[in-house]
Amino acid sequence: MPTRLEGMVVDAVDPAGLARFWASALDWEITAEEPDEVVVEPPEAVLWGEGGPAALVFVPVVEPKTVKNRVHLDLASASTDEQRATVARLLDLGARHADVGQGEVPWVVMTDPEGNELCVLDPRDAYRDTGPLAAVVLDCADPVALARFWAEATGWPVIHQSEHLAALRHPTAPGTRLELLAAPGRKVTKNRLHPDVRPYPPDDLAIEVARLERAGARRIDIGQGEVSWVVMADPEGNELCVLSPG
């Protein structure tokens, strides 16, 4: 049985501060605040794995960001006026414009207060019903191959694929998409954003980990110690955490 995408975990030097930025950016709420995590999600939201938006979970780390992230968030716009308004609001909240070599493009590249890249998209029919968080985007060498892994992992269909971009979406609901974007270079450090996944009952953690290993993932050690979840990497080395079923 496929696993369920639970949300995106974001490493942060100041989790509470970064959570406040993203709650304001998306017009969502901080729904939990503990020393080890701060959760941001829309009120009464459907889970990401059930076709809703991807909740954001901010966790404390000591190390600041040092290189361009290979995972970023795309924000949707219903119109060019809304796109401009979103950019202005993000600047007021502490975001900055960023140049990652994008050239002349219709979307706006920015960074949040801790330097994490994000894109404010131009209006597109593909994201009309996603809500403000249009997509989670993973840089990769081979979008088509990585899409096959994530389709096997989640049970989501691949709705678009080319040598440059592949996209997955829940089969029946227009929530946050998962996109795989061809990008130069290779992964050189731990991603500051990673997905949490959770098996559906009656599968247990060991069964799901074994299934993901057969699909091409592997267990990794990032210094997590004794924890109740399993840390893995997808076939291109992107970290993910497999939580207990629920």
C-alpha atoms as a PDB file:
ATOM      1  CA  MET A   1       0.000   0.000   0.000  1.00  0.00           C
ATOM      2  CA  PRO A   2       1.366   3.495  -0.793  1.00  0.00           C
ATOM      3  CA  THR A   3       2.545   5.749   1.974  1.00  0.00           C
ATOM      4  CA  ARG A   4       0.992   9.134   2.779  1.00  0.00           C
ATOM      5  CA  LEU A   5       2.792  12.446   2.337  1.00  0.00           C
ATOM      6  CA  GLU A   6       2.444  14.101   5.729  1.00  0.00           C
ATOM      7  CA  GLY A   7       4.143  17.477   5.315  1.00  0.00           C
ATOM      8  CA  MET A   8       7.413  19.306   4.733  1.00  0.00           C
ATOM      9  CA  VAL A   9       9.955  19.666   7.516  1.00  0.00           C
ATOM     10  CA  VAL A  10      12.065  22.834   7.401  1.00  0.00           C
ATOM     11  CA  ASP A  11      15.355  23.206   9.272  1.00  0.00           C
ATOM     12  CA  ALA A  12      15.538  26.618  10.940  1.00  0.00           C
ATOM     13  CA  VAL A  13      17.917  28.502  13.200  1.00  0.00           C
ATOM     14  CA  ASP A  14      14.833  30.299  14.569  1.00  0.00           C
ATOM     15  CA  PRO A  15      11.883  27.916  14.070  1.00  0.00           C
ATOM     16  CA  ALA A  16       9.313  30.163  15.752  1.00  0.00           C
ATOM     17  CA  GLY A  17      10.389  33.209  13.763  1.00  0.00           C
ATOM     18  CA  LEU A  18      10.447  31.395  10.439  1.00  0.00           C
ATOM     19  CA  ALA A  19       7.087  29.789  11.208  1.00  0.00           C
ATOM     20  CA  ARG A  20       5.592  33.231  11.807  1.00  0.00           C
ATOM     21  CA  PHE A  21       6.903  34.380   8.432  1.00  0.00           C
ATOM     22  CA  TRP A  22       5.375  31.436   6.588  1.00  0.00           C
ATOM     23  CA  ALA A  23       2.098  31.588   8.485  1.00  0.00           C
ATOM     24  CA  SER A  24       1.737  35.208   7.381  1.00  0.00           C
ATOM     25  CA  ALA A  25       2.979  34.483   3.863  1.00  0.00           C
ATOM     26  CA  LEU A  26       0.384  31.758   3.282  1.00  0.00           C
ATOM     27  CA  ASP A  27      -2.337  33.190   5.537  1.00  0.00           C
ATOM     28  CA  TRP A  28      -2.185  29.968   7.564  1.00  0.00           C
ATOM     29  CA  GLU A  29      -2.018  29.362  11.296  1.00  0.00           C
ATOM     30  CA  ILE A  30       0.572  28.166  13.773  1.00  0.00           C
ATOM     31  CA  THR A  31      -1.248  25.109  15.093  1.00  0.00           C
ATOM     32  CA  ALA A  32       1.439  23.737  17.417  1.00  0.00           C
ATOM     33  CA  GLU A  33       4.500  25.283  19.028  1.00  0.00           C
ATOM     34  CA  GLU A  34       6.928  23.157  21.024  1.00  0.00           C
ATOM     35  CA  PRO A  35      10.675  23.477  21.659  1.00  0.00           C
ATOM     36  CA  ASP A  36      11.405  20.804  19.053  1.00  0.00           C
ATOM     37  CA  GLU A  37       8.919  21.851  16.346  1.00  0.00           C
ATOM     38  CA  VAL A  38       6.511  24.552  15.207  1.00  0.00           C
ATOM     39  CA  VAL A  39       3.687  23.544  12.842  1.00  0.00           C
ATOM     40  CA  VAL A  40       2.080  25.839  10.252  1.00  0.00           C
ATOM     41  CA  GLU A  41      -1.026  24.736   8.346  1.00  0.00           C
ATOM     42  CA  PRO A  42      -4.366  26.084   7.150  1.00  0.00           C
ATOM     43  CA  PRO A  43      -7.308  25.711   9.531  1.00  0.00           C
ATOM     44  CA  GLU A  44      -9.325  22.514   9.116  1.00  0.00           C
ATOM     45  CA  ALA A  45      -7.049  21.382   6.311  1.00  0.00           C
ATOM     46  CA  VAL A  46      -7.112  18.036   4.571  1.00  0.00           C
ATOM     47  CA  LEU A  47      -3.749  16.274   4.916  1.00  0.00           C
ATOM     48  CA  TRP A  48      -1.301  16.616   2.024  1.00  0.00           C
ATOM     49  CA  GLY A  49      -1.410  12.899   1.366  1.00  0.00           C
ATOM     50  CA  GLU A  50      -5.211  13.077   1.145  1.00  0.00           C
ATOM     51  CA  GLY A  51      -5.109  15.836  -1.470  1.00  0.00           C
ATOM     52  CA  GLY A  52      -4.751  18.918   0.709  1.00  0.00           C
ATOM     53  CA  PRO A  53      -1.914  21.393   1.203  1.00  0.00           C
ATOM     54  CA  ALA A  54       1.488  20.413   2.539  1.00  0.00           C
ATOM     55  CA  ALA A  55       1.763  21.390   6.208  1.00  0.00           C
ATOM     56  CA  LEU A  56       5.080  22.990   7.197  1.00  0.00           C
ATOM     57  CA  VAL A  57       6.960  21.831  10.295  1.00  0.00           C
ATOM     58  CA  PHE A  58       9.889  23.967  11.464  1.00  0.00           C
ATOM     59  CA  VAL A  59      12.573  22.245  13.525  1.00  0.00           C
ATOM     60  CA  PRO A  60      15.651  23.728  15.232  1.00  0.00           C
ATOM     61  CA  VAL A  61      19.153  23.376  13.817  1.00  0.00           C
ATOM     62  CA  VAL A  62      22.370  25.153  14.706  1.00  0.00           C
ATOM     63  CA  GLU A  63      23.828  25.402  11.202  1.00  0.00           C
ATOM     64  CA  PRO A  64      22.671  28.284   8.977  1.00  0.00           C
ATOM     65  CA  LYS A  65      22.014  27.778   5.265  1.00  0.00           C
ATOM     66  CA  THR A  66      25.232  27.841   3.221  1.00  0.00           C
ATOM     67  CA  VAL A  67      24.317  26.696  -0.313  1.00  0.00           C
ATOM     68  CA  LYS A  68      21.318  26.966  -2.631  1.00  0.00           C
ATOM     69  CA  ASN A  69      18.569  24.614  -1.495  1.00  0.00           C
ATOM     70  CA  ARG A  70      17.689  21.708  -3.762  1.00  0.00           C
ATOM     71  CA  VAL A  71      14.123  21.799  -2.424  1.00  0.00           C
ATOM     72  CA  HIS A  72      11.932  24.896  -2.570  1.00  0.00           C
ATOM     73  CA  LEU A  73       8.307  25.963  -2.315  1.00  0.00           C
ATOM     74  CA  ASP A  74       6.243  27.532  -5.115  1.00  0.00           C
ATOM     75  CA  LEU A  75       3.431  29.939  -4.251  1.00  0.00           C
ATOM     76  CA  ALA A  76       0.394  30.221  -6.520  1.00  0.00           C
ATOM     77  CA  SER A  77      -1.113  33.403  -7.954  1.00  0.00           C
ATOM     78  CA  ALA A  78      -4.607  33.809  -9.365  1.00  0.00           C
ATOM     79  CA  SER A  79      -3.670  36.960 -11.303  1.00  0.00           C
ATOM     80  CA  THR A  80      -0.709  39.208 -12.032  1.00  0.00           C
ATOM     81  CA  ASP A  81      -2.107  41.699  -9.526  1.00  0.00           C
ATOM     82  CA  GLU A  82      -2.146  38.989  -6.854  1.00  0.00           C
ATOM     83  CA  GLN A  83       1.400  37.990  -7.790  1.00  0.00           C
ATOM     84  CA  ARG A  84       2.602  41.571  -7.324  1.00  0.00           C
ATOM     85  CA  ALA A  85       0.702  41.879  -4.046  1.00  0.00           C
ATOM     86  CA  THR A  86       2.194  38.620  -2.751  1.00  0.00           C
ATOM     87  CA  VAL A  87       5.715  39.772  -3.599  1.00  0.00           C
ATOM     88  CA  ALA A  88       5.133  43.094  -1.839  1.00  0.00           C
ATOM     89  CA  ARG A  89       3.713  41.357   1.231  1.00  0.00           C
ATOM     90  CA  LEU A  90       6.629  38.945   1.425  1.00  0.00           C
ATOM     91  CA  LEU A  91       9.110  41.811   1.212  1.00  0.00           C
ATOM     92  CA  ASP A  92       7.312  43.521   4.088  1.00  0.00           C
ATOM     93  CA  LEU A  93       7.545  40.281   6.087  1.00  0.00           C
ATOM     94  CA  GLY A  94      11.312  40.013   5.601  1.00  0.00           C
ATOM     95  CA  ALA A  95      11.776  38.155   2.314  1.00  0.00           C
ATOM     96  CA  ARG A  96      14.266  39.310  -0.316  1.00  0.00           C
ATOM     97  CA  HIS A  97      14.538  39.098  -4.078  1.00  0.00           C
ATOM     98  CA  ALA A  98      17.057  36.477  -5.204  1.00  0.00           C
ATOM     99  CA  ASP A  99      19.044  35.730  -8.344  1.00  0.00           C
ATOM    100  CA  VAL A 100      19.681  32.010  -8.850  1.00  0.00           C
ATOM    101  CA  GLY A 101      20.450  32.433 -12.535  1.00  0.00           C
ATOM    102  CA  GLN A 102      16.801  32.375 -13.583  1.00  0.00           C
ATOM    103  CA  GLY A 103      17.134  35.173 -16.147  1.00  0.00           C
ATOM    104  CA  GLU A 104      13.981  36.764 -17.548  1.00  0.00           C
ATOM    105  CA  VAL A 105      11.097  34.628 -16.296  1.00  0.00           C
ATOM    106  CA  PRO A 106       7.452  35.350 -15.426  1.00  0.00           C
ATOM    107  CA  TRP A 107       7.803  34.098 -11.858  1.00  0.00           C
ATOM    108  CA  VAL A 108       9.592  35.899  -9.021  1.00  0.00           C
ATOM    109  CA  VAL A 109      12.428  34.208  -7.133  1.00  0.00           C
ATOM    110  CA  MET A 110      12.811  35.223  -3.497  1.00  0.00           C
ATOM    111  CA  THR A 111      14.284  33.971  -0.239  1.00  0.00           C
ATOM    112  CA  ASP A 112      12.640  33.801   3.161  1.00  0.00           C
ATOM    113  CA  PRO A 113      14.318  35.398   6.220  1.00  0.00           C
ATOM    114  CA  GLU A 114      16.680  32.400   6.627  1.00  0.00           C
ATOM    115  CA  GLY A 115      17.649  32.350   2.953  1.00  0.00           C
ATOM    116  CA  ASN A 116      15.433  29.508   1.733  1.00  0.00           C
ATOM    117  CA  GLU A 117      14.517  29.998  -1.910  1.00  0.00           C
ATOM    118  CA  LEU A 118      10.877  30.266  -2.967  1.00  0.00           C
ATOM    119  CA  CYS A 119       9.066  31.235  -6.150  1.00  0.00           C
ATOM    120  CA  VAL A 120       5.972  33.395  -6.483  1.00  0.00           C
ATOM    121  CA  LEU A 121       4.452  31.994  -9.653  1.00  0.00           C
ATOM    122  CA  ASP A 122       2.691  33.832 -12.422  1.00  0.00           C
ATOM    123  CA  PRO A 123      -0.982  32.838 -12.897  1.00  0.00           C
ATOM    124  CA  ARG A 124      -1.265  29.290 -14.269  1.00  0.00           C
ATOM    125  CA  ASP A 125      -4.272  27.046 -14.792  1.00  0.00           C
ATOM    126  CA  ALA A 126      -2.330  24.077 -13.402  1.00  0.00           C
ATOM    127  CA  TYR A 127      -2.289  25.666  -9.939  1.00  0.00           C
ATOM    128  CA  ARG A 128      -5.715  27.261 -10.000  1.00  0.00           C
ATOM    129  CA  ASP A 129      -7.121  25.060  -7.211  1.00  0.00           C
ATOM    130  CA  THR A 130      -4.029  24.215  -5.164  1.00  0.00           C
ATOM    131  CA  GLY A 131      -4.392  26.961  -2.594  1.00  0.00           C
ATOM    132  CA  PRO A 132      -1.476  29.299  -1.848  1.00  0.00           C
ATOM    133  CA  LEU A 133       1.152  26.538  -1.682  1.00  0.00           C
ATOM    134  CA  ALA A 134       1.216  25.355  -5.283  1.00  0.00           C
ATOM    135  CA  ALA A 135       4.103  22.902  -5.259  1.00  0.00           C
ATOM    136  CA  VAL A 136       7.030  21.396  -3.428  1.00  0.00           C
ATOM    137  CA  VAL A 137       9.881  21.320  -5.957  1.00  0.00           C
ATOM    138  CA  LEU A 138      12.901  18.988  -5.760  1.00  0.00           C
ATOM    139  CA  ASP A 139      15.955  19.638  -7.940  1.00  0.00           C
ATOM    140  CA  CYS A 140      17.245  16.436  -9.492  1.00  0.00           C
ATOM    141  CA  ALA A 141      19.300  14.923 -12.294  1.00  0.00           C
ATOM    142  CA  ASP A 142      16.547  12.744 -13.803  1.00  0.00           C
ATOM    143  CA  PRO A 143      12.971  13.973 -13.226  1.00  0.00           C
ATOM    144  CA  VAL A 144      11.371  11.024 -15.022  1.00  0.00           C
ATOM    145  CA  ALA A 145      13.200   8.383 -12.984  1.00  0.00           C
ATOM    146  CA  LEU A 146      12.668  10.192  -9.690  1.00  0.00           C
ATOM    147  CA  ALA A 147       8.978  10.639 -10.499  1.00  0.00           C
ATOM    148  CA  ARG A 148       8.682   6.868 -10.888  1.00  0.00           C
ATOM    149  CA  PHE A 149      10.042   6.404  -7.370  1.00  0.00           C
ATOM    150  CA  TRP A 150       7.727   8.982  -5.809  1.00  0.00           C
ATOM    151  CA  ALA A 151       4.726   7.632  -7.716  1.00  0.00           C
ATOM    152  CA  GLU A 152       5.496   4.174  -6.333  1.00  0.00           C
ATOM    153  CA  ALA A 153       6.021   5.599  -2.848  1.00  0.00           C
ATOM    154  CA  THR A 154       2.857   7.714  -2.696  1.00  0.00           C
ATOM    155  CA  GLY A 155       0.458   6.130  -5.161  1.00  0.00           C
ATOM    156  CA  TRP A 156       0.071   9.522  -6.842  1.00  0.00           C
ATOM    157  CA  PRO A 157      -0.087   9.617 -10.642  1.00  0.00           C
ATOM    158  CA  VAL A 158       2.525  11.410 -12.714  1.00  0.00           C
ATOM    159  CA  ILE A 159       0.476  14.122 -14.433  1.00  0.00           C
ATOM    160  CA  HIS A 160       3.307  15.634 -16.447  1.00  0.00           C
ATOM    161  CA  GLN A 161       6.771  14.503 -17.407  1.00  0.00           C
ATOM    162  CA  SER A 162       9.569  15.665 -19.662  1.00  0.00           C
ATOM    163  CA  GLU A 163      13.342  15.676 -19.473  1.00  0.00           C
ATOM    164  CA  HIS A 164      13.077  19.007 -17.625  1.00  0.00           C
ATOM    165  CA  LEU A 165      10.153  18.540 -15.230  1.00  0.00           C
ATOM    166  CA  ALA A 166       7.892  15.858 -13.815  1.00  0.00           C
ATOM    167  CA  ALA A 167       4.876  16.502 -11.614  1.00  0.00           C
ATOM    168  CA  LEU A 168       2.723  14.350  -9.335  1.00  0.00           C
ATOM    169  CA  ARG A 169      -0.620  15.190  -7.781  1.00  0.00           C
ATOM    170  CA  HIS A 170      -3.163  13.443  -5.612  1.00  0.00           C
ATOM    171  CA  PRO A 171      -5.440  11.399  -7.908  1.00  0.00           C
ATOM    172  CA  THR A 172      -8.726  12.986  -6.829  1.00  0.00           C
ATOM    173  CA  ALA A 173      -7.971  16.350  -5.175  1.00  0.00           C
ATOM    174  CA  PRO A 174      -6.025  19.440  -6.288  1.00  0.00           C
ATOM    175  CA  GLY A 175      -3.704  19.947  -3.314  1.00  0.00           C
ATOM    176  CA  THR A 176      -0.025  20.866  -3.265  1.00  0.00           C
ATOM    177  CA  ARG A 177       1.819  19.165  -6.121  1.00  0.00           C
ATOM    178  CA  LEU A 178       5.152  17.367  -5.870  1.00  0.00           C
ATOM    179  CA  GLU A 179       7.448  18.385  -8.719  1.00  0.00           C
ATOM    180  CA  LEU A 180      10.859  17.111  -9.834  1.00  0.00           C
ATOM    181  CA  LEU A 181      12.920  19.722 -11.665  1.00  0.00           C
ATOM    182  CA  ALA A 182      16.047  19.016 -13.698  1.00  0.00           C
ATOM    183  CA  ALA A 183      18.887  21.100 -12.277  1.00  0.00           C
ATOM    184  CA  PRO A 184      22.662  21.206 -12.740  1.00  0.00           C
ATOM    185  CA  GLY A 185      25.088  20.166 -10.059  1.00  0.00           C
ATOM    186  CA  ARG A 186      24.639  17.508  -7.440  1.00  0.00           C
ATOM    187  CA  LYS A 187      23.540  17.349  -3.845  1.00  0.00           C
ATOM    188  CA  VAL A 188      26.448  18.237  -1.536  1.00  0.00           C
ATOM    189  CA  THR A 189      24.819  18.662   1.863  1.00  0.00           C
ATOM    190  CA  LYS A 190      21.727  17.654   3.806  1.00  0.00           C
ATOM    191  CA  ASN A 191      18.553  19.237   2.453  1.00  0.00           C
ATOM    192  CA  ARG A 192      17.086  21.900   4.727  1.00  0.00           C
ATOM    193  CA  LEU A 193      13.601  20.864   3.599  1.00  0.00           C
ATOM    194  CA  HIS A 194      12.437  17.255   3.501  1.00  0.00           C
ATOM    195  CA  PRO A 195       9.112  15.402   3.372  1.00  0.00           C
ATOM    196  CA  ASP A 196       7.696  13.291   6.166  1.00  0.00           C
ATOM    197  CA  VAL A 197       5.708  10.254   5.041  1.00  0.00           C
ATOM    198  CA  ARG A 198       3.460   8.003   7.083  1.00  0.00           C
ATOM    199  CA  PRO A 199       2.178   4.493   6.262  1.00  0.00           C
ATOM    200  CA  TYR A 200      -1.517   3.799   6.246  1.00  0.00           C
ATOM    201  CA  PRO A 201      -2.754   1.214   8.754  1.00  0.00           C
ATOM    202  CA  PRO A 202      -2.538  -1.772   8.847  1.00  0.00           C
ATOM    203  CA  ASP A 203       0.990  -1.463   7.402  1.00  0.00           C
ATOM    204  CA  ASP A 204       3.672  -1.087  10.024  1.00  0.00           C
ATOM    205  CA  LEU A 205       6.874   0.927   9.944  1.00  0.00           C
ATOM    206  CA  ALA A 206       9.142  -1.998   9.057  1.00  0.00           C
ATOM    207  CA  ILE A 207       6.889  -3.110   6.194  1.00  0.00           C
ATOM    208  CA  GLU A 208       6.800   0.384   4.725  1.00  0.00           C
ATOM    209  CA  VAL A 209      10.554   0.899   5.044  1.00  0.00           C
ATOM    210  CA  ALA A 210      11.160  -2.416   3.267  1.00  0.00           C
ATOM    211  CA  ARG A 211       8.738  -1.426   0.493  1.00  0.00           C
ATOM    212  CA  LEU A 212      10.490   1.912  -0.019  1.00  0.00           C
ATOM    213  CA  GLU A 213      13.853   0.134  -0.099  1.00  0.00           C
ATOM    214  CA  ARG A 214      12.559  -2.119  -2.877  1.00  0.00           C
ATOM    215  CA  ALA A 215      11.468   1.009  -4.758  1.00  0.00           C
ATOM    216  CA  GLY A 216      14.982   2.460  -4.564  1.00  0.00           C
ATOM    217  CA  ALA A 217      15.229   4.323  -1.247  1.00  0.00           C
ATOM    218  CA  ARG A 218      17.858   3.551   1.367  1.00  0.00           C
ATOM    219  CA  ARG A 219      18.285   4.060   5.100  1.00  0.00           C
ATOM    220  CA  ILE A 220      20.701   6.833   6.094  1.00  0.00           C
ATOM    221  CA  ASP A 221      22.245   8.193   9.264  1.00  0.00           C
ATOM    222  CA  ILE A 222      22.187  11.978   9.665  1.00  0.00           C
ATOM    223  CA  GLY A 223      22.946  11.829  13.370  1.00  0.00           C
ATOM    224  CA  GLN A 224      19.329  11.267  14.387  1.00  0.00           C
ATOM    225  CA  GLY A 225      20.207   8.819  17.164  1.00  0.00           C
ATOM    226  CA  GLU A 226      17.458   6.699  18.721  1.00  0.00           C
ATOM    227  CA  VAL A 227      14.180   7.992  17.278  1.00  0.00           C
ATOM    228  CA  SER A 228      10.752   6.544  16.570  1.00  0.00           C
ATOM    229  CA  TRP A 229      10.957   7.234  12.836  1.00  0.00           C
ATOM    230  CA  VAL A 230      13.263   5.983  10.087  1.00  0.00           C
ATOM    231  CA  VAL A 231      15.432   8.371   8.082  1.00  0.00           C
ATOM    232  CA  MET A 232      15.825   7.425   4.425  1.00  0.00           C
ATOM    233  CA  ALA A 233      16.955   8.944   1.138  1.00  0.00           C
ATOM    234  CA  ASP A 234      15.264   8.696  -2.241  1.00  0.00           C
ATOM    235  CA  PRO A 235      17.272   7.426  -5.248  1.00  0.00           C
ATOM    236  CA  GLU A 236      18.908  10.855  -5.718  1.00  0.00           C
ATOM    237  CA  GLY A 237      19.796  11.245  -2.049  1.00  0.00           C
ATOM    238  CA  ASN A 238      16.968  13.522  -0.915  1.00  0.00           C
ATOM    239  CA  GLU A 239      16.154  12.875   2.727  1.00  0.00           C
ATOM    240  CA  LEU A 240      12.718  11.734   3.886  1.00  0.00           C
ATOM    241  CA  CYS A 241      11.466  10.504   7.240  1.00  0.00           C
ATOM    242  CA  VAL A 242       9.094   7.552   7.558  1.00  0.00           C
ATOM    243  CA  LEU A 243       6.841   8.018  10.577  1.00  0.00           C
ATOM    244  CA  SER A 244       4.860   5.411  12.493  1.00  0.00           C
ATOM    245  CA  PRO A 245       1.511   4.453  10.908  1.00  0.00           C
ATOM    246  CA  GLY A 246      -1.484   6.540  11.844  1.00  0.00           C
END
